[in-house]
C-alpha atoms as a PDB file:
ATOM      1  CA  MET A   1    -142.760  -7.020 -10.851  1.00  0.00           C
ATOM      2  CA  SER A   2    -141.723 -10.636 -10.615  1.00  0.00           C
ATOM      3  CA  GLY A   3    -140.661 -12.429  -7.428  1.00  0.00           C
ATOM      4  CA  ARG A   4    -137.101 -12.604  -8.730  1.00  0.00           C
ATOM      5  CA  ALA A   5    -136.946  -8.807  -8.946  1.00  0.00           C
ATOM      6  CA  TRP A   6    -138.105  -8.435  -5.344  1.00  0.00           C
ATOM      7  CA  ARG A   7    -135.641 -11.020  -4.097  1.00  0.00           C
ATOM      8  CA  PHE A   8    -132.587  -9.342  -5.678  1.00  0.00           C
ATOM      9  CA  PRO A   9    -132.852  -5.960  -3.836  1.00  0.00           C
ATOM     10  CA  TRP A  10    -133.483  -7.813  -0.599  1.00  0.00           C
ATOM     11  CA  ALA A  11    -130.413  -9.962  -1.090  1.00  0.00           C
ATOM     12  CA  ALA A  12    -128.270  -6.936  -1.932  1.00  0.00           C
ATOM     13  CA  THR A  13    -129.460  -5.101   1.191  1.00  0.00           C
ATOM     14  CA  ALA A  14    -128.685  -8.104   3.381  1.00  0.00           C
ATOM     15  CA  ALA A  15    -125.219  -8.426   1.887  1.00  0.00           C
ATOM     16  CA  LEU A  16    -124.442  -4.783   2.573  1.00  0.00           C
ATOM     17  CA  ALA A  17    -125.629  -5.107   6.177  1.00  0.00           C
ATOM     18  CA  LEU A  18    -123.464  -8.202   6.684  1.00  0.00           C
ATOM     19  CA  LEU A  19    -120.425  -6.452   5.206  1.00  0.00           C
ATOM     20  CA  ALA A  20    -120.905  -3.463   7.498  1.00  0.00           C
ATOM     21  CA  GLY A  21    -121.147  -5.729  10.529  1.00  0.00           C
ATOM     22  CA  CYS A  22    -117.974  -7.586   9.585  1.00  0.00           C
ATOM     23  CA  SER A  23    -116.129  -4.309   9.092  1.00  0.00           C
ATOM     24  CA  ILE A  24    -117.165  -3.050  12.522  1.00  0.00           C
ATOM     25  CA  GLY A  25    -116.225  -6.316  14.189  1.00  0.00           C
ATOM     26  CA  SER A  26    -112.868  -6.642  12.450  1.00  0.00           C
ATOM     27  CA  HIS A  27    -112.026  -3.034  13.291  1.00  0.00           C
ATOM     28  CA  SER A  28    -112.703  -3.749  16.944  1.00  0.00           C
ATOM     29  CA  ASP A  29    -110.561  -6.909  16.920  1.00  0.00           C
ATOM     30  CA  ALA A  30    -107.643  -5.183  15.177  1.00  0.00           C
ATOM     31  CA  LYS A  31    -107.751  -2.414  17.734  1.00  0.00           C
ATOM     32  CA  ALA A  32    -107.616  -4.916  20.570  1.00  0.00           C
ATOM     33  CA  THR A  33    -104.735  -6.956  19.130  1.00  0.00           C
ATOM     34  CA  ALA A  34    -102.639  -4.194  17.571  1.00  0.00           C
ATOM     35  CA  ALA A  35     -98.951  -4.236  18.580  1.00  0.00           C
ATOM     36  CA  PRO A  36     -97.950  -1.397  20.911  1.00  0.00           C
ATOM     37  CA  SER A  37     -96.415   1.544  19.157  1.00  0.00           C
ATOM     38  CA  GLY A  38     -92.983   2.919  19.956  1.00  0.00           C
ATOM     39  CA  ALA A  39     -89.313   2.387  19.143  1.00  0.00           C
ATOM     40  CA  SER A  40     -87.882  -1.121  18.883  1.00  0.00           C
ATOM     41  CA  ALA A  41     -85.861  -2.570  21.761  1.00  0.00           C
ATOM     42  CA  PRO A  42     -82.186  -1.559  21.865  1.00  0.00           C
ATOM     43  CA  PRO A  43     -79.549  -4.130  20.869  1.00  0.00           C
ATOM     44  CA  PRO A  44     -78.331  -6.339  23.737  1.00  0.00           C
ATOM     45  CA  VAL A  45     -75.164  -5.394  25.595  1.00  0.00           C
ATOM     46  CA  GLY A  46     -72.226  -7.224  24.080  1.00  0.00           C
ATOM     47  CA  SER A  47     -73.613  -7.223  20.569  1.00  0.00           C
ATOM     48  CA  ILE A  48     -71.890  -5.662  17.579  1.00  0.00           C
ATOM     49  CA  ASP A  49     -74.174  -2.632  17.819  1.00  0.00           C
ATOM     50  CA  HIS A  50     -73.757  -2.326  21.593  1.00  0.00           C
ATOM     51  CA  PRO A  51     -70.281  -3.559  22.634  1.00  0.00           C
ATOM     52  CA  ARG A  52     -69.865  -4.661  26.229  1.00  0.00           C
ATOM     53  CA  PRO A  53     -68.385  -1.706  28.164  1.00  0.00           C
ATOM     54  CA  VAL A  54     -65.152  -2.293  30.075  1.00  0.00           C
ATOM     55  CA  PRO A  55     -64.879   0.756  32.364  1.00  0.00           C
ATOM     56  CA  CYS A  56     -61.880   2.246  34.118  1.00  0.00           C
ATOM     57  CA  ALA A  57     -63.016   0.596  37.374  1.00  0.00           C
ATOM     58  CA  ASP A  58     -62.439  -2.852  35.840  1.00  0.00           C
ATOM     59  CA  GLY A  59     -58.770  -2.114  35.207  1.00  0.00           C
ATOM     60  CA  MET A  60     -55.607  -1.226  37.071  1.00  0.00           C
ATOM     61  CA  THR A  61     -53.873   2.074  36.460  1.00  0.00           C
ATOM     62  CA  PHE A  62     -50.121   2.623  36.419  1.00  0.00           C
ATOM     63  CA  ARG A  63     -48.706   6.117  36.681  1.00  0.00           C
ATOM     64  CA  ASP A  64     -45.026   5.518  37.301  1.00  0.00           C
ATOM     65  CA  ARG A  65     -44.095   2.307  35.511  1.00  0.00           C
ATOM     66  CA  PRO A  66     -43.250   2.346  31.818  1.00  0.00           C
ATOM     67  CA  ASP A  67     -44.440  -1.168  31.123  1.00  0.00           C
ATOM     68  CA  PRO A  68     -46.737  -2.576  33.824  1.00  0.00           C
ATOM     69  CA  LEU A  69     -47.482  -5.859  32.080  1.00  0.00           C
ATOM     70  CA  ARG A  70     -44.045  -7.001  31.004  1.00  0.00           C
ATOM     71  CA  GLY A  71     -42.683  -8.743  34.056  1.00  0.00           C
ATOM     72  CA  PHE A  72     -44.657 -11.877  34.586  1.00  0.00           C
ATOM     73  CA  THR A  73     -45.181 -14.882  32.384  1.00  0.00           C
ATOM     74  CA  PRO A  74     -46.854 -18.165  33.323  1.00  0.00           C
ATOM     75  CA  SER A  75     -44.917 -21.230  34.346  1.00  0.00           C
ATOM     76  CA  PRO A  76     -45.636 -24.528  32.574  1.00  0.00           C
ATOM     77  CA  ASN A  77     -48.754 -26.298  33.850  1.00  0.00           C
ATOM     78  CA  SER A  78     -49.266 -23.615  36.452  1.00  0.00           C
ATOM     79  CA  ALA A  79     -52.342 -23.716  38.629  1.00  0.00           C
ATOM     80  CA  THR A  80     -55.142 -21.301  37.926  1.00  0.00           C
ATOM     81  CA  SER A  81     -55.287 -18.038  39.806  1.00  0.00           C
ATOM     82  CA  THR A  82     -57.989 -15.620  40.889  1.00  0.00           C
ATOM     83  CA  SER A  83     -55.654 -12.795  41.825  1.00  0.00           C
ATOM     84  CA  ALA A  84     -53.654 -10.187  39.969  1.00  0.00           C
ATOM     85  CA  PRO A  85     -50.218 -11.153  38.585  1.00  0.00           C
ATOM     86  CA  PRO A  86     -47.530 -11.208  41.299  1.00  0.00           C
ATOM     87  CA  ASP A  87     -45.728  -8.354  39.583  1.00  0.00           C
ATOM     88  CA  SER A  88     -48.216  -5.816  40.917  1.00  0.00           C
ATOM     89  CA  PRO A  89     -47.531  -2.125  41.485  1.00  0.00           C
ATOM     90  CA  THR A  90     -46.989  -2.667  45.205  1.00  0.00           C
ATOM     91  CA  ASP A  91     -44.672  -5.670  45.163  1.00  0.00           C
ATOM     92  CA  SER A  92     -41.522  -3.648  45.667  1.00  0.00           C
ATOM     93  CA  PRO A  93     -40.619  -0.547  47.671  1.00  0.00           C
ATOM     94  CA  ASN A  94     -38.862   0.751  44.559  1.00  0.00           C
ATOM     95  CA  SER A  95     -41.965   0.655  42.428  1.00  0.00           C
ATOM     96  CA  GLY A  96     -42.725   4.340  42.856  1.00  0.00           C
ATOM     97  CA  THR A  97     -46.194   5.683  43.397  1.00  0.00           C
ATOM     98  CA  ALA A  98     -48.728   3.575  41.581  1.00  0.00           C
ATOM     99  CA  SER A  99     -52.471   3.604  42.019  1.00  0.00           C
ATOM    100  CA  ALA A 100     -54.804   0.732  41.311  1.00  0.00           C
ATOM    101  CA  SER A 101     -58.544   0.868  40.949  1.00  0.00           C
ATOM    102  CA  PRO A 102     -60.599  -2.219  41.940  1.00  0.00           C
ATOM    103  CA  ARG A 103     -60.594  -5.085  39.477  1.00  0.00           C
ATOM    104  CA  ARG A 104     -62.869  -8.074  39.378  1.00  0.00           C
ATOM    105  CA  ALA A 105     -61.233 -11.448  39.837  1.00  0.00           C
ATOM    106  CA  THR A 106     -61.240 -13.805  36.878  1.00  0.00           C
ATOM    107  CA  PRO A 107     -62.172 -17.280  38.092  1.00  0.00           C
ATOM    108  CA  SER A 108     -60.472 -20.316  36.617  1.00  0.00           C
ATOM    109  CA  SER A 109     -58.255 -18.276  34.330  1.00  0.00           C
ATOM    110  CA  PRO A 110     -54.588 -19.134  33.772  1.00  0.00           C
ATOM    111  CA  SER A 111     -52.171 -17.190  35.910  1.00  0.00           C
ATOM    112  CA  GLY A 112     -49.933 -14.549  34.431  1.00  0.00           C
ATOM    113  CA  HIS A 113     -50.382 -13.341  30.887  1.00  0.00           C
ATOM    114  CA  ALA A 114     -49.693 -14.883  27.542  1.00  0.00           C
ATOM    115  CA  SER A 115     -46.230 -13.669  26.702  1.00  0.00           C
ATOM    116  CA  GLY A 116     -42.951 -15.208  25.630  1.00  0.00           C
ATOM    117  CA  ALA A 117     -41.123 -18.041  27.381  1.00  0.00           C
ATOM    118  CA  PRO A 118     -42.653 -19.576  30.498  1.00  0.00           C
ATOM    119  CA  SER A 119     -40.557 -17.858  33.135  1.00  0.00           C
ATOM    120  CA  ARG A 120     -40.632 -14.899  35.462  1.00  0.00           C
ATOM    121  CA  THR A 121     -38.320 -12.079  34.467  1.00  0.00           C
ATOM    122  CA  SER A 122     -37.080  -9.026  36.286  1.00  0.00           C
ATOM    123  CA  HIS A 123     -38.820  -5.755  35.577  1.00  0.00           C
ATOM    124  CA  PRO A 124     -37.003  -2.412  35.564  1.00  0.00           C
ATOM    125  CA  ARG A 125     -38.868   0.223  37.508  1.00  0.00           C
ATOM    126  CA  THR A 126     -38.578   3.869  36.707  1.00  0.00           C
ATOM    127  CA  SER A 127     -40.528   6.956  37.594  1.00  0.00           C
ATOM    128  CA  GLY A 128     -42.467   9.119  35.185  1.00  0.00           C
ATOM    129  CA  THR A 129     -45.464   8.877  32.935  1.00  0.00           C
ATOM    130  CA  ALA A 130     -46.370   5.414  31.679  1.00  0.00           C
ATOM    131  CA  SER A 131     -45.097   4.908  28.148  1.00  0.00           C
ATOM    132  CA  PRO A 132     -45.089   1.153  27.495  1.00  0.00           C
ATOM    133  CA  SER A 133     -42.482  -0.237  25.161  1.00  0.00           C
ATOM    134  CA  SER A 134     -43.463  -2.990  22.768  1.00  0.00           C
ATOM    135  CA  GLY A 135     -41.636  -6.214  22.102  1.00  0.00           C
ATOM    136  CA  ALA A 136     -41.522  -8.610  19.184  1.00  0.00           C
ATOM    137  CA  GLY A 137     -44.367 -10.647  20.642  1.00  0.00           C
ATOM    138  CA  ASP A 138     -46.670  -7.691  21.221  1.00  0.00           C
ATOM    139  CA  ILE A 139     -49.555  -6.508  19.098  1.00  0.00           C
ATOM    140  CA  VAL A 140     -49.961  -2.728  19.214  1.00  0.00           C
ATOM    141  CA  VAL A 141     -52.869  -0.888  17.608  1.00  0.00           C
ATOM    142  CA  GLY A 142     -52.908   2.806  18.429  1.00  0.00           C
ATOM    143  CA  PRO A 143     -53.236   3.226  22.220  1.00  0.00           C
ATOM    144  CA  LEU A 144     -53.944  -0.504  22.723  1.00  0.00           C
ATOM    145  CA  THR A 145     -51.181  -3.031  23.468  1.00  0.00           C
ATOM    146  CA  TRP A 146     -51.646  -6.781  23.810  1.00  0.00           C
ATOM    147  CA  HIS A 147     -48.431  -8.048  25.355  1.00  0.00           C
ATOM    148  CA  GLY A 148     -47.227 -11.383  24.008  1.00  0.00           C
ATOM    149  CA  LEU A 149     -50.330 -12.026  21.924  1.00  0.00           C
ATOM    150  CA  ALA A 150     -48.280 -12.505  18.757  1.00  0.00           C
ATOM    151  CA  ASP A 151     -46.409 -15.356  20.488  1.00  0.00           C
ATOM    152  CA  LEU A 152     -49.510 -17.537  20.491  1.00  0.00           C
ATOM    153  CA  THR A 153     -48.949 -18.736  16.926  1.00  0.00           C
ATOM    154  CA  GLY A 154     -47.484 -22.016  18.179  1.00  0.00           C
ATOM    155  CA  GLY A 155     -46.167 -23.918  21.166  1.00  0.00           C
ATOM    156  CA  ASP A 156     -48.006 -25.542  24.047  1.00  0.00           C
ATOM    157  CA  GLN A 157     -51.524 -24.220  24.502  1.00  0.00           C
ATOM    158  CA  HIS A 158     -51.440 -25.109  28.206  1.00  0.00           C
ATOM    159  CA  ASP A 159     -48.701 -22.522  28.748  1.00  0.00           C
ATOM    160  CA  HIS A 160     -51.085 -19.759  27.726  1.00  0.00           C
ATOM    161  CA  GLY A 161     -54.611 -20.908  28.444  1.00  0.00           C
ATOM    162  CA  ILE A 162     -57.020 -23.450  29.838  1.00  0.00           C
ATOM    163  CA  GLU A 163     -59.563 -25.690  28.175  1.00  0.00           C
ATOM    164  CA  ASN A 164     -63.117 -25.759  29.469  1.00  0.00           C
ATOM    165  CA  GLY A 165     -66.600 -24.693  28.467  1.00  0.00           C
ATOM    166  CA  GLY A 166     -66.280 -26.168  24.998  1.00  0.00           C
ATOM    167  CA  GLY A 167     -63.089 -24.373  24.034  1.00  0.00           C
ATOM    168  CA  TRP A 168     -59.901 -22.590  25.095  1.00  0.00           C
ATOM    169  CA  HIS A 169     -59.557 -19.427  27.172  1.00  0.00           C
ATOM    170  CA  TYR A 170     -56.312 -17.520  26.532  1.00  0.00           C
ATOM    171  CA  ARG A 171     -55.472 -15.059  29.278  1.00  0.00           C
ATOM    172  CA  VAL A 172     -54.378 -11.680  27.883  1.00  0.00           C
ATOM    173  CA  ASP A 173     -53.751  -8.364  29.593  1.00  0.00           C
ATOM    174  CA  SER A 174     -54.835  -5.414  27.473  1.00  0.00           C
ATOM    175  CA  LEU A 175     -53.003  -2.155  28.155  1.00  0.00           C
ATOM    176  CA  VAL A 176     -54.744   1.044  27.046  1.00  0.00           C
ATOM    177  CA  GLN A 177     -53.148   4.478  27.159  1.00  0.00           C
ATOM    178  CA  PRO A 178     -54.693   7.129  29.446  1.00  0.00           C
ATOM    179  CA  ASP A 179     -58.126   8.527  28.634  1.00  0.00           C
ATOM    180  CA  SER A 180     -58.493   6.402  25.486  1.00  0.00           C
ATOM    181  CA  VAL A 181     -61.655   4.672  24.308  1.00  0.00           C
ATOM    182  CA  VAL A 182     -60.977   1.578  22.202  1.00  0.00           C
ATOM    183  CA  THR A 183     -63.557  -0.793  20.724  1.00  0.00           C
ATOM    184  CA  VAL A 184     -62.466  -4.318  19.790  1.00  0.00           C
ATOM    185  CA  THR A 185     -64.691  -6.449  17.545  1.00  0.00           C
ATOM    186  CA  VAL A 186     -64.267 -10.038  16.362  1.00  0.00           C
ATOM    187  CA  GLY A 187     -64.548 -10.338  12.577  1.00  0.00           C
ATOM    188  CA  ALA A 188     -67.722 -11.813  11.129  1.00  0.00           C
ATOM    189  CA  THR A 189     -66.031 -14.953   9.779  1.00  0.00           C
ATOM    190  CA  GLU A 190     -65.021 -16.193  13.254  1.00  0.00           C
ATOM    191  CA  ARG A 191     -67.790 -14.870  15.519  1.00  0.00           C
ATOM    192  CA  ALA A 192     -69.389 -18.300  15.674  1.00  0.00           C
ATOM    193  CA  ARG A 193     -66.395 -19.717  17.562  1.00  0.00           C
ATOM    194  CA  ALA A 194     -64.319 -16.819  18.939  1.00  0.00           C
ATOM    195  CA  GLY A 195     -65.151 -14.194  21.532  1.00  0.00           C
ATOM    196  CA  LEU A 196     -63.829 -11.673  24.058  1.00  0.00           C
ATOM    197  CA  GLU A 197     -63.967 -12.189  27.817  1.00  0.00           C
ATOM    198  CA  PHE A 198     -63.345  -8.748  29.291  1.00  0.00           C
ATOM    199  CA  GLY A 199     -65.439  -6.602  31.598  1.00  0.00           C
ATOM    200  CA  GLY A 200     -65.868  -9.128  34.415  1.00  0.00           C
ATOM    201  CA  GLU A 201     -67.558 -11.604  32.102  1.00  0.00           C
ATOM    202  CA  TYR A 202     -65.235 -14.617  32.161  1.00  0.00           C
ATOM    203  CA  GLY A 203     -67.033 -17.584  30.684  1.00  0.00           C
ATOM    204  CA  ALA A 204     -69.409 -15.368  28.677  1.00  0.00           C
ATOM    205  CA  PRO A 205     -67.665 -14.539  25.387  1.00  0.00           C
ATOM    206  CA  THR A 206     -68.959 -11.551  23.467  1.00  0.00           C
ATOM    207  CA  PRO A 207     -68.131 -10.401  19.927  1.00  0.00           C
ATOM    208  CA  ALA A 208     -67.344  -6.797  20.910  1.00  0.00           C
ATOM    209  CA  VAL A 209     -66.054  -4.813  23.908  1.00  0.00           C
ATOM    210  CA  THR A 210     -65.160  -1.167  24.475  1.00  0.00           C
ATOM    211  CA  PHE A 211     -62.262  -0.320  26.797  1.00  0.00           C
ATOM    212  CA  HIS A 212     -62.491   2.980  28.679  1.00  0.00           C
ATOM    213  CA  ALA A 213     -59.024   3.749  30.048  1.00  0.00           C
ATOM    214  CA  CYS A 214     -58.642   5.814  33.200  1.00  0.00           C
ATOM    215  CA  PRO A 215     -57.643   9.456  32.684  1.00  0.00           C
ATOM    216  CA  ASP A 216     -54.715   9.416  35.107  1.00  0.00           C
ATOM    217  CA  GLY A 217     -52.617   6.511  33.838  1.00  0.00           C
ATOM    218  CA  ALA A 218     -52.226   3.631  31.416  1.00  0.00           C
ATOM    219  CA  THR A 219     -54.875   1.058  32.304  1.00  0.00           C
ATOM    220  CA  SER A 220     -54.393  -2.704  32.316  1.00  0.00           C
ATOM    221  CA  PHE A 221     -57.527  -4.787  31.732  1.00  0.00           C
ATOM    222  CA  LEU A 222     -57.414  -8.446  32.663  1.00  0.00           C
ATOM    223  CA  GLY A 223     -59.376 -10.808  30.467  1.00  0.00           C
ATOM    224  CA  ALA A 224     -59.200 -13.542  27.884  1.00  0.00           C
ATOM    225  CA  PHE A 225     -59.804 -14.500  24.287  1.00  0.00           C
ATOM    226  CA  PHE A 226     -62.033 -17.529  23.795  1.00  0.00           C
ATOM    227  CA  VAL A 227     -61.739 -19.925  20.862  1.00  0.00           C
ATOM    228  CA  ALA A 228     -64.192 -22.823  20.702  1.00  0.00           C
ATOM    229  CA  GLY A 229     -63.298 -26.394  19.857  1.00  0.00           C
ATOM    230  CA  ASP A 230     -59.583 -27.161  19.683  1.00  0.00           C
ATOM    231  CA  GLY A 231     -58.665 -23.518  20.308  1.00  0.00           C
ATOM    232  CA  ARG A 232     -56.800 -23.143  17.016  1.00  0.00           C
ATOM    233  CA  ALA A 233     -57.882 -20.404  14.636  1.00  0.00           C
ATOM    234  CA  CYS A 234     -56.937 -17.286  12.707  1.00  0.00           C
ATOM    235  CA  VAL A 235     -59.196 -14.672  14.266  1.00  0.00           C
ATOM    236  CA  PRO A 236     -59.764 -11.344  12.480  1.00  0.00           C
ATOM    237  CA  ILE A 237     -60.091  -8.381  14.823  1.00  0.00           C
ATOM    238  CA  ASP A 238     -61.209  -4.814  14.156  1.00  0.00           C
ATOM    239  CA  VAL A 239     -59.881  -2.118  16.501  1.00  0.00           C
ATOM    240  CA  ARG A 240     -61.519   1.299  16.549  1.00  0.00           C
ATOM    241  CA  VAL A 241     -60.121   4.218  18.568  1.00  0.00           C
ATOM    242  CA  GLY A 242     -62.902   6.573  19.584  1.00  0.00           C
ATOM    243  CA  ASN A 243     -65.006   7.278  16.509  1.00  0.00           C
ATOM    244  CA  GLY A 244     -62.108   6.760  14.122  1.00  0.00           C
ATOM    245  CA  PRO A 245     -61.884   4.202  11.327  1.00  0.00           C
ATOM    246  CA  ALA A 246     -61.447   0.540  12.200  1.00  0.00           C
ATOM    247  CA  ARG A 247     -57.990  -0.993  11.900  1.00  0.00           C
ATOM    248  CA  HIS A 248     -57.833  -4.653  10.939  1.00  0.00           C
ATOM    249  CA  VAL A 249     -55.504  -7.269  12.451  1.00  0.00           C
ATOM    250  CA  VAL A 250     -55.488 -11.071  12.345  1.00  0.00           C
ATOM    251  CA  ILE A 251     -54.452 -13.008  15.448  1.00  0.00           C
ATOM    252  CA  SER A 252     -53.226 -16.583  15.239  1.00  0.00           C
ATOM    253  CA  PHE A 253     -54.178 -18.800  18.137  1.00  0.00           C
ATOM    254  CA  PHE A 254     -51.857 -21.785  17.711  1.00  0.00           C
ATOM    255  CA  ASN A 255     -52.689 -21.911  14.012  1.00  0.00           C
ATOM    256  CA  GLY A 256     -49.340 -20.946  12.502  1.00  0.00           C
ATOM    257  CA  ARG A 257     -48.951 -17.957  10.228  1.00  0.00           C
ATOM    258  CA  CYS A 258     -52.256 -16.358   9.277  1.00  0.00           C
ATOM    259  CA  PRO A 259     -52.976 -14.297   6.155  1.00  0.00           C
ATOM    260  CA  ALA A 260     -53.313 -10.589   6.883  1.00  0.00           C
END
């Protein structure tokens, strides 16, 4: 047999041995660097898939007043406030029996709520179960009422909000009927510049929140809408009650009439 014939089997044997060694080594390395198994991390709180929760404890409940939010509107160029609106459930001996759960203060937010002309109006007080009436400037979607939000189509932005943090914060009180769960989500087209500041997170806009009203009365949640830049936009909003279908509304923030 020639030398070439002897060399070929030897070379083949060496190649097989080298291949086996590489396989063993690569198997060991893959085992050491393999990613841990298990489910992926949950979506962050405040995301579309995990809306920021706004619990009953973050709101104020009203048992005996038919319209707890309609009684106070901001004055022009008013100073900012860290307290509840002056028209609180305990500001008059004739206010009936109202209970309020603790609510976080909202630093540097405009006083009052965005509604109508800049003046304080009287508020009729009656007894009975809360059943808020709606006005021309209100936006009502199922058990959720935003008082005066429809009035923000024009006028002076300073009467309804403040400018800081790269945009405008418009103070809005959200009233939710007893024992209701309502999820509010900013539409995809405006998520880059609009957000919701509810749930004790002023200054940290989020694209989605879920209100959990108290079981014993209509619940008022203090918060704000944020619009970046000049604060003017048509913001699409989806409102979902419980697990029901989403209802679509478009809110104009000092941007005139918006298409539905």
